[in-house]
Each structure stands twice: as C-alpha cells, then as structure tokens.
Amino acid sequence: MPELPEVETVRRGLDRLVVGRRVGRVEVGRERVVRRTSPEALIHGLTGTTILAANRRGKYLLLPLDSGDELMVHLRMSGQLLVARAGTPRPAHTHVVMHLDPAGEQPGVGRGKQRGGQPGDQPGDEVWFVDPRTFGEVVVFDPGNVAVELPELAAMGPDPISEGLSLAQLRGIVRSRSRQLKPMLLDQHVIAGIGNIYADEILHRARLRPGRLSDSLSPAAERRLHSAIHEILGEAIMAGGSTLGDAQYLDLFGDNGSYQDDHKVYGRGGERCLTCATSWLRTTQYAQRTTVYCANCQR
C-alpha cells in the first residue's frame, strides 16, 4: 500500500500539473471506486470545477475545488494516479478519468514529464485513477461536513510532514498509552501516514524493538524515535517513495520510486543486518503485519 512518502510524491506531481486546471469531463467505469457516493455524484461534483490546490493528510490526497467541495483520492492497496495526454492507451483497470482543459501558460503548471512523451501543458490532458484491486476510492465531499462524510479522515492523528509532529507531541503520545511501538505507529488515529514499510525502517533507525511498550521509552529513546520518523519519511520522499517487486506504486508519470534500495530491514527477513553486520534479521508479526527487525541493533 502506498504510504505517506508515496502519496506525498503523487501530491507534488499533482501540484505541478493539475492545480489551476479545469475539469472539463469525467468518466467513471467501475462503480466500486465511487462506492461511498455514486458515479453520478462524482461526475456532477467534478465537471466544470477548477482544482485550487493539491494537499495531503496521511495517505489521503485532498484537492480543494472552486465549488467549495474537495476531491478525496485514497490509493489503498493498488491504486495509482497517472497523468497522460488524451489518446494515450489507458492501462487495464482505469476506473476514473478526468479530462482537463489546457493549462495554457499558468506559472508552475504543466512543466513535468508525462506519459505519451508530451509536456503537461498540452491540450487534452487526462488524469487516470487505476486500481486493479478496487480497494481505492475517489470521492467529492463537503469539507465542512467531513466528520459525517469522511469520519476516518476527521479522526486521524497528526501528519508528521504536512502538519508537523513536535517532540513534545510525540512524548505526549507515547507516555499517554502503553502500546507496542509497531502497532502504535501503524494506528492512523495516533500518527497519520505511516504504514508497514516505514514503521519497520523508523524503528530500526531509532534502535527500538517493535514490541517494546511506548510508555517504557527513556527521554533519549523518545528523541531517537522523533528524529527517525522525520528522517526516514523525509529521505523516502526525496527518493520518490518505495516501489516494491509488485510495482503497484508508481508516481504520477508512471515512474518507480527508489527508496526501496535504501531499506535496512523491510522485506529483508533472514538476511544479515546491514547496520551491525553481525546479526541476522528476524521476522515476526505485530498487528497482523509482517515485521522485520534486528535483535542486536533494536533494544
């Protein structure tokens, strides 16, 4: 599943190519991806609107529209957002297509590489939502009624990148509960955006065992965890995220991320630890998720 760094990479692409563009027409194929409302609601909510910004909270993409509504896209397990010139063959499982009016010469819009080999300011650009497993969603909602329309979004914890997560905030989080660190990091109500990949990498960087209780951390361990959260997420964003062997995550232009080349523990169970070079990485389960750690490095 795309996590915070992957979704932030897509957001940055949308900010370059889509913000300021008018949606001229919308196609909806598979109804499951608009199951929260309906195809008609998505088409009506998007057609004729202009996209004002590209925001993100946790793993949710949020695009304010000049109508006052917002577009929410959640990629979940296998979703992709891709931009292409009209007429480019669409991938299988393209379930939503937004046809954009030409960008013209708007500053900062349409200067990136694009599928089909054309710059983003060519007429007839399309934004595709592609999702083989159809767990993802595309929804137009009223941001003033988010607690009713998207209650899971309203209940999310702080986003370390878009909102910031101070050391004082993190200390309040870990000291106010007695939870194993790995499940706590995965809980979107506690901290938004961290998933299985980056929880493993963060805990390894912080030298903390995944099963350690949050309220057992010393002040020094809290500082290491705080630093690791920001360092790992920042490094992954700079690398365009992680594209695993299934290649389900691609950026807006269909390119892979490269942070998978820097993973120290995720997906490497049974291999020698790259950090200490003496211990073998162990694999276990926390919160029903496969977890890899080094018993020598992580205490």
Protein backbone atom coordinates (compact mmCIF):
# COMPACT_ATOMS: atom_id res chain seq x y z
CA MET A 1 0.00 0.00 0.00
CA PRO A 2 1.34 3.47 -0.79
CA GLU A 3 2.28 5.20 2.45
CA LEU A 4 2.97 8.83 3.31
CA PRO A 5 6.13 9.23 1.14
CA GLU A 6 4.49 7.68 -1.93
CA VAL A 7 1.31 9.74 -1.57
CA GLU A 8 3.36 12.89 -0.97
CA THR A 9 5.28 12.18 -4.20
CA VAL A 10 2.00 11.93 -6.10
CA ARG A 11 0.75 15.12 -4.41
CA ARG A 12 3.82 17.02 -5.59
CA GLY A 13 3.18 15.84 -9.14
CA LEU A 14 -0.43 16.97 -8.94
CA ASP A 15 0.70 20.33 -7.62
CA ARG A 16 2.88 20.78 -10.71
CA LEU A 17 0.47 19.52 -13.36
CA VAL A 18 -3.10 19.73 -12.14
CA VAL A 19 -3.53 22.71 -9.82
CA GLY A 20 -5.23 25.56 -11.67
CA ARG A 21 -6.70 23.25 -14.29
CA ARG A 22 -10.42 22.98 -15.07
CA VAL A 23 -12.06 19.56 -15.23
CA GLY A 24 -13.99 19.52 -18.47
CA ARG A 25 -15.37 16.00 -18.37
CA VAL A 26 -15.30 12.92 -16.12
CA GLU A 27 -15.66 9.22 -16.92
CA VAL A 28 -16.41 6.58 -14.30
CA GLY A 29 -16.04 2.89 -15.08
CA ARG A 30 -16.01 0.55 -12.09
CA GLU A 31 -18.59 1.77 -9.57
CA ARG A 32 -16.76 0.19 -6.63
CA VAL A 33 -14.22 3.03 -6.58
CA VAL A 34 -17.03 5.57 -6.01
CA ARG A 35 -18.96 3.30 -3.62
CA ARG A 36 -19.17 5.94 -0.90
CA THR A 37 -21.41 8.05 -3.15
CA SER A 38 -22.14 7.22 -6.81
CA PRO A 39 -20.76 7.73 -10.33
CA GLU A 40 -23.29 10.49 -10.87
CA ALA A 41 -22.19 12.29 -7.70
CA LEU A 42 -18.52 12.20 -8.72
CA ILE A 43 -19.25 13.37 -12.28
CA HIS A 44 -21.54 16.17 -11.08
CA GLY A 45 -19.14 17.22 -8.31
CA LEU A 46 -16.09 17.46 -10.59
CA THR A 47 -17.33 18.57 -14.02
CA GLY A 48 -16.70 22.24 -14.66
CA THR A 49 -14.70 22.81 -11.47
CA THR A 50 -11.16 24.14 -11.18
CA ILE A 51 -8.64 22.41 -8.91
CA LEU A 52 -7.27 25.00 -6.49
CA ALA A 53 -4.60 23.06 -4.58
CA ALA A 54 -3.11 19.62 -4.01
CA ASN A 55 -2.99 18.72 -0.33
CA ARG A 56 -2.39 15.53 1.63
CA ARG A 57 -3.21 14.25 5.08
CA GLY A 58 -1.74 10.88 5.95
CA LYS A 59 -2.44 8.63 2.97
CA TYR A 60 -5.31 10.78 1.68
CA LEU A 61 -4.97 13.14 -1.29
CA LEU A 62 -7.21 16.20 -0.88
CA LEU A 63 -7.83 18.59 -3.79
CA PRO A 64 -9.94 21.67 -2.99
CA LEU A 65 -12.24 22.76 -5.83
CA ASP A 66 -13.54 26.22 -6.68
CA SER A 67 -17.06 24.92 -5.98
CA GLY A 68 -16.20 24.76 -2.28
CA ASP A 69 -16.11 20.96 -2.29
CA GLU A 70 -12.97 18.82 -2.19
CA LEU A 71 -11.85 15.79 -4.13
CA MET A 72 -10.50 12.95 -1.99
CA VAL A 73 -8.42 10.15 -3.51
CA HIS A 74 -7.22 7.19 -1.45
CA LEU A 75 -4.94 4.76 -3.31
CA ARG A 76 -5.17 1.98 -0.69
CA MET A 77 -3.61 -1.34 -1.81
CA SER A 78 -3.04 -0.97 -5.54
CA GLY A 79 -4.37 2.41 -6.66
CA GLN A 80 -2.40 4.70 -8.96
CA LEU A 81 -2.93 8.24 -10.22
CA LEU A 82 -1.36 8.82 -13.62
CA VAL A 83 -1.40 11.80 -15.99
CA ALA A 84 -1.46 11.32 -19.75
CA ARG A 85 -2.21 13.13 -22.98
CA ALA A 86 -5.63 12.36 -24.45
CA GLY A 87 -5.40 9.44 -26.86
CA THR A 88 -2.67 7.63 -24.93
CA PRO A 89 -3.73 3.98 -24.46
CA ARG A 90 -5.10 3.53 -20.98
CA PRO A 91 -3.94 0.73 -18.69
CA ALA A 92 -6.28 -2.03 -17.70
CA HIS A 93 -8.33 -1.21 -14.60
CA THR A 94 -8.58 2.52 -15.36
CA HIS A 95 -11.76 3.27 -13.43
CA VAL A 96 -11.93 7.09 -13.35
CA VAL A 97 -10.73 9.55 -15.99
CA MET A 98 -10.69 13.33 -15.50
CA HIS A 99 -10.33 15.28 -18.74
CA LEU A 100 -8.50 18.56 -18.08
CA ASP A 101 -8.78 21.73 -20.09
CA PRO A 102 -5.47 23.08 -21.45
CA ALA A 103 -3.16 24.59 -18.87
CA GLY A 104 -2.06 27.46 -21.09
CA GLU A 105 0.84 29.41 -19.68
CA GLN A 106 -0.08 29.35 -15.98
CA PRO A 107 3.08 29.70 -13.88
CA GLY A 108 4.23 26.48 -12.31
CA VAL A 109 1.69 24.32 -14.13
CA GLY A 110 2.46 21.64 -16.63
CA ARG A 111 6.22 21.57 -16.70
CA GLY A 112 6.82 17.90 -15.94
CA LYS A 113 7.35 14.72 -17.90
CA GLN A 114 4.14 12.95 -18.82
CA ARG A 115 3.02 9.60 -20.24
CA GLY A 116 2.85 9.87 -24.00
CA GLY A 117 6.07 11.90 -24.12
CA GLN A 118 4.37 15.31 -24.02
CA PRO A 119 4.76 18.20 -21.58
CA GLY A 120 1.94 18.64 -19.13
CA ASP A 121 0.63 21.88 -20.69
CA GLN A 122 -0.56 20.16 -23.89
CA PRO A 123 -4.32 20.31 -24.57
CA GLY A 124 -6.35 17.27 -23.68
CA ASP A 125 -4.51 16.06 -20.59
CA GLU A 126 -6.18 13.28 -18.62
CA VAL A 127 -5.79 12.14 -15.02
CA TRP A 128 -6.38 8.41 -14.61
CA PHE A 129 -7.29 6.57 -11.44
CA VAL A 130 -6.08 2.99 -11.98
CA ASP A 131 -6.78 0.30 -9.40
CA PRO A 132 -6.62 -3.44 -10.18
CA ARG A 133 -7.93 -4.50 -6.75
CA THR A 134 -10.51 -1.68 -6.50
CA PHE A 135 -9.92 -1.02 -2.80
CA GLY A 136 -9.16 2.64 -3.53
CA GLU A 137 -11.67 5.46 -3.58
CA VAL A 138 -12.43 8.70 -5.38
CA VAL A 139 -14.95 10.97 -3.66
CA VAL A 140 -16.15 14.57 -3.86
CA PHE A 141 -17.14 15.76 -0.38
CA ASP A 142 -18.08 18.85 1.60
CA PRO A 143 -15.08 19.76 3.82
CA GLY A 144 -17.45 21.44 6.25
CA ASN A 145 -19.15 18.11 6.85
CA VAL A 146 -16.06 15.89 6.90
CA ALA A 147 -16.91 14.26 10.24
CA VAL A 148 -20.03 12.77 8.64
CA GLU A 149 -18.89 12.18 5.07
CA LEU A 150 -15.31 11.01 5.80
CA PRO A 151 -15.22 10.21 9.54
CA GLU A 152 -11.95 8.28 9.31
CA LEU A 153 -10.24 11.39 7.90
CA ALA A 154 -11.61 13.58 10.68
CA ALA A 155 -10.33 11.12 13.32
CA MET A 156 -6.74 10.92 12.08
CA GLY A 157 -3.75 11.80 14.21
CA PRO A 158 -1.15 14.44 13.30
CA ASP A 159 0.67 14.17 9.99
CA PRO A 160 4.44 14.42 10.64
CA ILE A 161 5.15 16.13 7.31
CA SER A 162 2.14 18.26 6.36
CA GLU A 163 1.24 19.32 9.91
CA GLY A 164 4.40 18.64 11.86
CA LEU A 165 4.97 16.42 14.86
CA SER A 166 6.97 18.05 17.63
CA LEU A 167 9.00 16.17 20.19
CA ALA A 168 6.55 17.39 22.86
CA GLN A 169 3.63 15.98 20.86
CA LEU A 170 5.36 12.64 20.40
CA ARG A 171 6.19 12.46 24.09
CA GLY A 172 2.53 13.09 24.88
CA ILE A 173 1.56 10.26 22.54
CA VAL A 174 3.97 7.62 23.85
CA ARG A 175 3.60 8.48 27.53
CA SER A 176 -0.20 8.54 27.49
CA ARG A 177 -0.57 4.93 26.35
CA SER A 178 1.07 1.57 26.94
CA ARG A 179 1.17 0.07 23.47
CA GLN A 180 3.70 -1.88 21.48
CA LEU A 181 5.58 0.52 19.25
CA LYS A 182 4.90 -1.15 15.90
CA PRO A 183 1.08 -1.29 16.27
CA MET A 184 1.11 2.25 17.65
CA LEU A 185 2.97 3.60 14.61
CA LEU A 186 0.54 1.82 12.30
CA ASP A 187 -2.51 3.33 14.02
CA GLN A 188 -3.69 6.20 11.83
CA HIS A 189 -5.62 7.67 14.76
CA VAL A 190 -2.30 8.15 16.58
CA ILE A 191 0.06 9.33 13.80
CA ALA A 192 -1.13 9.70 10.21
CA GLY A 193 0.57 8.22 7.18
CA ILE A 194 2.99 5.58 8.50
CA GLY A 195 2.47 2.05 7.22
CA ASN A 196 4.32 -1.23 7.42
CA ILE A 197 7.36 -0.26 5.35
CA TYR A 198 8.26 2.90 7.20
CA ALA A 199 7.31 1.65 10.66
CA ASP A 200 9.97 -1.06 10.31
CA GLU A 201 12.53 1.40 8.95
CA ILE A 202 11.77 4.03 11.60
CA LEU A 203 12.10 1.59 14.48
CA HIS A 204 15.37 0.26 13.10
CA ARG A 205 16.78 3.79 12.73
CA ALA A 206 15.63 4.58 16.29
CA ARG A 207 17.18 1.32 17.59
CA LEU A 208 13.90 0.26 19.21
CA ARG A 209 12.32 -3.21 19.32
CA PRO A 210 8.89 -3.32 17.59
CA GLY A 211 7.28 -4.96 20.61
CA ARG A 212 8.59 -2.52 23.18
CA LEU A 213 5.89 -0.64 25.11
CA SER A 214 5.59 3.03 24.29
CA ASP A 215 5.49 4.20 27.90
CA SER A 216 8.78 2.40 28.63
CA LEU A 217 10.86 4.74 26.48
CA SER A 218 13.51 6.90 28.07
CA PRO A 219 13.76 10.58 27.05
CA ALA A 220 16.73 9.66 24.85
CA ALA A 221 14.72 6.91 23.14
CA GLU A 222 11.86 9.34 22.57
CA ARG A 223 14.28 11.72 20.88
CA ARG A 224 15.62 8.92 18.67
CA LEU A 225 12.11 7.92 17.67
CA HIS A 226 11.14 11.51 16.90
CA SER A 227 14.25 12.02 14.76
CA ALA A 228 13.80 8.69 12.98
CA ILE A 229 10.20 9.47 12.00
CA HIS A 230 11.20 12.70 10.31
CA GLU A 231 14.46 11.41 8.83
CA ILE A 232 13.04 8.25 7.28
CA LEU A 233 9.92 9.92 5.87
CA GLY A 234 11.98 12.84 4.53
CA GLU A 235 14.55 10.59 2.88
CA ALA A 236 11.83 8.44 1.32
CA ILE A 237 10.05 11.49 -0.09
CA MET A 238 13.29 12.74 -1.62
CA ALA A 239 13.71 9.32 -3.28
CA GLY A 240 10.17 9.36 -4.69
CA GLY A 241 8.96 6.66 -2.32
CA SER A 242 9.41 2.90 -2.47
CA THR A 243 8.38 0.73 -5.42
CA LEU A 244 8.33 -2.93 -4.39
CA GLY A 245 8.53 -6.03 -6.56
CA ASP A 246 4.82 -5.90 -7.41
CA ALA A 247 5.35 -2.41 -8.93
CA GLN A 248 1.91 -1.39 -7.69
CA TYR A 249 3.19 2.03 -6.66
CA LEU A 250 4.21 4.41 -9.45
CA ASP A 251 4.39 8.18 -9.38
CA LEU A 252 2.12 10.45 -11.42
CA PHE A 253 4.28 9.92 -14.51
CA GLY A 254 4.48 6.13 -14.24
CA ASP A 255 7.98 6.06 -12.77
CA ASN A 256 9.27 3.96 -9.86
CA GLY A 257 10.47 5.34 -6.57
CA SER A 258 13.96 4.37 -5.43
CA TYR A 259 13.86 4.29 -1.63
CA GLN A 260 13.49 0.50 -1.69
CA ASP A 261 17.22 0.45 -2.43
CA ASP A 262 17.83 2.03 1.00
CA HIS A 263 15.62 -0.25 3.09
CA LYS A 264 17.61 -1.62 6.00
CA VAL A 265 15.06 -4.13 7.31
CA TYR A 266 11.75 -4.13 5.46
CA GLY A 267 11.42 -7.22 3.26
CA ARG A 268 14.88 -8.49 4.28
CA GLY A 269 13.98 -11.08 6.92
CA GLY A 270 16.63 -13.81 7.25
CA GLU A 271 19.38 -11.63 5.77
CA ARG A 272 22.34 -10.20 7.62
CA CYS A 273 21.73 -6.81 9.21
CA LEU A 274 23.27 -4.05 7.11
CA THR A 275 23.72 -1.85 10.17
CA CYS A 276 25.62 -4.07 12.59
CA ALA A 277 26.77 -6.69 10.01
CA THR A 278 26.72 -9.35 12.74
CA SER A 279 23.09 -10.30 13.44
CA TRP A 280 20.51 -11.93 11.18
CA LEU A 281 17.24 -10.07 10.70
CA ARG A 282 14.25 -11.67 12.38
CA THR A 283 10.68 -11.84 11.07
CA THR A 284 7.62 -11.79 13.30
CA GLN A 285 4.06 -10.43 13.39
CA TYR A 286 2.67 -7.30 15.04
CA ALA A 287 -0.87 -6.04 14.44
CA GLN A 288 -1.20 -8.86 11.87
CA ARG A 289 1.58 -7.31 9.81
CA THR A 290 4.89 -8.93 8.93
CA THR A 291 7.64 -7.18 10.86
CA VAL A 292 11.40 -7.38 10.37
CA TYR A 293 13.94 -6.20 12.94
CA CYS A 294 17.48 -6.73 14.20
CA ALA A 295 17.64 -8.12 17.74
CA ASN A 296 21.17 -6.78 18.11
CA CYS A 297 20.52 -3.20 16.95
CA GLN A 298 17.00 -2.79 18.29
CA ARG A 299 16.55 -2.94 22.08
